[in-house]
């Protein structure tokens, strides 16, 4: 009896793994966010701190910066699919700069949020959400730095770009999570 040697392509394994990671991250952020919303809507009976309008403006500007980085990351992914390696490197660099600006913006948000970590449980969850999101942005930037250094070595082509694609997926996810957090933390 002949056995078949069936192996999944590396890109399929990477995509499946990334999907599982993103699902786990969704559960993580979802749990924190539901706790925050429960407390914010008075579910605990505790007094709720209000977000100042200036903080909403800072968060909105920060959101625009992150969404711009999504555009440059999308462009990086599109460039390598067309074998435009210089375009890949340039757009990865733009994404990194915008990601760095977003982190600086989050530091400013921390300073001007009108809440402190020890302001009941709500303040703790507020800062945990922003802080964990910032850590995810930093993790995404680390992936982009590695991808950029590999792009400079010429590791990617129109036929070999799975790592770029997985980095882009994570970056898009981080931006999508931020959009949800922006609405829940600053507008609700």
Protein backbone atom coordinates (compact mmCIF):
# COMPACT_ATOMS: atom_id res chain seq x y z
CA UNK A 1 0.00 0.00 0.00
CA UNK A 2 1.40 3.35 -0.99
CA UNK A 3 1.29 6.24 1.48
CA UNK A 4 0.75 9.77 0.34
CA UNK A 5 3.06 12.46 1.58
CA UNK A 6 0.77 15.44 1.95
CA UNK A 7 2.24 18.62 3.32
CA UNK A 8 0.58 21.95 3.60
CA UNK A 9 2.33 24.89 2.03
CA UNK A 10 4.20 27.10 4.49
CA UNK A 11 1.95 30.05 3.68
CA UNK A 12 -1.14 28.00 4.60
CA UNK A 13 0.37 27.01 7.95
CA UNK A 14 1.43 30.60 8.64
CA UNK A 15 -2.04 31.91 7.78
CA UNK A 16 -3.75 29.32 9.98
CA UNK A 17 -1.41 30.09 12.85
CA UNK A 18 -1.98 33.82 12.50
CA UNK A 19 -5.74 33.32 12.49
CA UNK A 20 -5.50 31.32 15.73
CA UNK A 21 -3.31 34.00 17.32
CA UNK A 22 -5.75 36.73 16.31
CA UNK A 23 -8.70 34.75 17.68
CA UNK A 24 -6.91 34.36 21.01
CA UNK A 25 -6.12 38.09 21.03
CA UNK A 26 -9.76 38.84 20.30
CA UNK A 27 -10.82 36.84 23.36
CA UNK A 28 -8.22 38.67 25.45
CA UNK A 29 -9.24 42.17 24.38
CA UNK A 30 -12.93 41.27 24.33
CA UNK A 31 -12.86 40.15 27.96
CA UNK A 32 -11.17 43.35 29.11
CA UNK A 33 -13.44 45.50 26.98
CA UNK A 34 -16.62 43.88 28.24
CA UNK A 35 -15.43 44.40 31.84
CA UNK A 36 -14.71 48.04 31.09
CA UNK A 37 -18.09 48.61 29.45
CA UNK A 38 -19.89 46.87 32.32
CA UNK A 39 -18.23 49.21 34.81
CA UNK A 40 -18.52 52.26 32.61
CA UNK A 41 -22.27 51.85 32.24
CA UNK A 42 -22.68 51.69 36.01
CA UNK A 43 -22.86 47.93 36.36
CA UNK A 44 -20.92 48.10 39.64
CA UNK A 45 -22.60 51.20 41.02
CA UNK A 46 -19.18 52.89 41.26
CA UNK A 47 -18.73 56.51 40.25
CA UNK A 48 -17.57 56.79 36.65
CA UNK A 49 -14.87 59.25 35.60
CA UNK A 50 -15.55 61.24 32.46
CA UNK A 51 -13.17 61.56 29.54
CA UNK A 52 -12.37 65.20 28.79
CA UNK A 53 -13.06 66.53 25.25
CA UNK A 54 -9.35 67.30 24.75
CA UNK A 55 -8.59 63.65 25.37
CA UNK A 56 -11.15 62.67 22.76
CA UNK A 57 -9.40 64.94 20.27
CA UNK A 58 -5.98 63.46 21.10
CA UNK A 59 -7.36 59.94 20.75
CA UNK A 60 -9.03 60.86 17.44
CA UNK A 61 -5.77 62.27 16.07
CA UNK A 62 -3.96 59.17 17.24
CA UNK A 63 -6.56 57.03 15.48
CA UNK A 64 -5.94 58.91 12.23
CA UNK A 65 -2.19 58.26 12.59
CA UNK A 66 -2.76 54.54 13.09
CA UNK A 67 -5.17 54.36 10.15
CA UNK A 68 -2.59 56.10 7.96
CA UNK A 69 -0.11 53.40 8.98
CA UNK A 70 -2.62 50.78 7.85
CA UNK A 71 -2.63 52.44 4.45
CA UNK A 72 1.15 52.34 4.19
CA UNK A 73 1.22 48.74 5.40
CA UNK A 74 -1.39 47.78 2.82
CA UNK A 75 0.75 49.54 0.22
CA UNK A 76 3.88 47.64 1.37
CA UNK A 77 2.05 44.34 0.97
CA UNK A 78 0.78 45.36 -2.48
CA UNK A 79 4.23 46.52 -3.56
CA UNK A 80 5.95 43.19 -2.86
CA UNK A 81 3.19 41.28 -4.64
CA UNK A 82 4.18 43.32 -7.71
CA UNK A 83 7.88 42.62 -6.97
CA UNK A 84 8.51 46.28 -6.17
CA UNK A 85 11.06 45.82 -3.43
CA UNK A 86 11.90 49.50 -3.01
CA UNK A 87 8.20 50.26 -2.56
CA UNK A 88 8.00 47.53 0.07
CA UNK A 89 10.90 49.00 2.03
CA UNK A 90 9.63 52.59 1.78
CA UNK A 91 6.12 51.70 2.92
CA UNK A 92 7.39 49.53 5.77
CA UNK A 93 9.47 52.51 6.91
CA UNK A 94 6.42 54.81 6.72
CA UNK A 95 4.40 52.30 8.75
CA UNK A 96 7.12 52.18 11.38
CA UNK A 97 7.31 55.97 11.68
CA UNK A 98 3.53 56.23 11.97
CA UNK A 99 3.48 53.39 14.52
CA UNK A 100 6.09 55.28 16.55
CA UNK A 101 3.97 58.43 16.40
CA UNK A 102 0.99 56.40 17.58
CA UNK A 103 2.96 55.17 20.62
CA UNK A 104 3.98 58.74 21.45
CA UNK A 105 0.31 59.68 21.12
CA UNK A 106 -0.67 56.92 23.51
CA UNK A 107 1.83 58.19 26.06
CA UNK A 108 0.18 61.60 25.78
CA UNK A 109 -3.22 59.92 26.17
CA UNK A 110 -2.02 58.23 29.35
CA UNK A 111 -0.94 61.59 30.73
CA UNK A 112 -4.18 63.42 29.83
CA UNK A 113 -6.82 60.73 30.32
CA UNK A 114 -8.37 62.30 33.41
CA UNK A 115 -8.09 58.94 35.15
CA UNK A 116 -5.43 57.27 37.21
CA UNK A 117 -4.63 53.59 37.43
CA UNK A 118 -5.91 53.60 41.02
CA UNK A 119 -9.24 55.34 40.19
CA UNK A 120 -11.41 52.39 41.11
CA UNK A 121 -11.39 49.34 38.89
CA UNK A 122 -12.46 51.39 35.88
CA UNK A 123 -9.20 53.33 35.76
CA UNK A 124 -7.21 50.12 36.05
CA UNK A 125 -9.06 48.46 33.19
CA UNK A 126 -8.87 51.66 31.09
CA UNK A 127 -5.09 51.74 31.46
CA UNK A 128 -4.78 47.99 31.00
CA UNK A 129 -6.62 48.22 27.67
CA UNK A 130 -4.53 51.13 26.42
CA UNK A 131 -1.33 49.61 27.79
CA UNK A 132 -1.89 46.16 26.33
CA UNK A 133 -2.81 47.72 23.03
CA UNK A 134 0.41 49.76 23.10
CA UNK A 135 2.35 46.54 23.75
CA UNK A 136 0.67 45.00 20.73
CA UNK A 137 1.63 48.00 18.60
CA UNK A 138 5.22 47.66 19.84
CA UNK A 139 5.13 43.93 19.02
CA UNK A 140 3.79 44.78 15.56
CA UNK A 141 6.54 47.37 15.10
CA UNK A 142 9.10 44.73 16.08
CA UNK A 143 7.71 42.45 13.38
CA UNK A 144 7.88 45.35 10.90
CA UNK A 145 11.51 46.09 11.87
CA UNK A 146 12.42 42.45 11.26
CA UNK A 147 10.47 42.48 7.99
CA UNK A 148 12.20 45.70 6.93
CA UNK A 149 15.65 44.28 7.67
CA UNK A 150 14.77 41.14 5.71
CA UNK A 151 13.46 43.31 2.85
CA UNK A 152 16.78 45.16 2.78
CA UNK A 153 18.53 41.79 2.39
CA UNK A 154 16.23 40.97 -0.53
CA UNK A 155 14.42 38.09 1.19
CA UNK A 156 11.04 38.87 -0.38
CA UNK A 157 9.78 38.55 -3.94
CA UNK A 158 6.41 38.48 -5.66
CA UNK A 159 6.41 34.71 -5.06
CA UNK A 160 7.79 34.73 -1.49
CA UNK A 161 6.04 37.30 0.69
CA UNK A 162 4.19 35.31 3.37
CA UNK A 163 6.07 37.02 6.22
CA UNK A 164 5.11 40.42 4.85
CA UNK A 165 1.50 39.31 4.58
CA UNK A 166 1.43 37.95 8.16
CA UNK A 167 2.97 41.17 9.48
CA UNK A 168 0.33 43.13 7.59
CA UNK A 169 -2.48 40.99 9.02
CA UNK A 170 -1.24 41.62 12.56
CA UNK A 171 -0.92 45.35 11.86
CA UNK A 172 -4.45 45.51 10.46
CA UNK A 173 -5.72 43.65 13.49
CA UNK A 174 -4.01 46.03 15.91
CA UNK A 175 -5.59 48.97 14.08
CA UNK A 176 -9.04 47.35 14.10
CA UNK A 177 -8.77 46.71 17.84
CA UNK A 178 -7.78 50.34 18.37
CA UNK A 179 -10.81 51.57 16.42
CA UNK A 180 -13.07 49.54 18.70
CA UNK A 181 -11.19 50.74 21.79
CA UNK A 182 -11.37 54.34 20.59
CA UNK A 183 -15.15 54.18 20.36
CA UNK A 184 -15.57 52.29 23.65
CA UNK A 185 -13.03 54.26 25.71
CA UNK A 186 -13.41 57.76 24.32
CA UNK A 187 -16.86 58.08 22.76
CA UNK A 188 -19.21 55.87 24.82
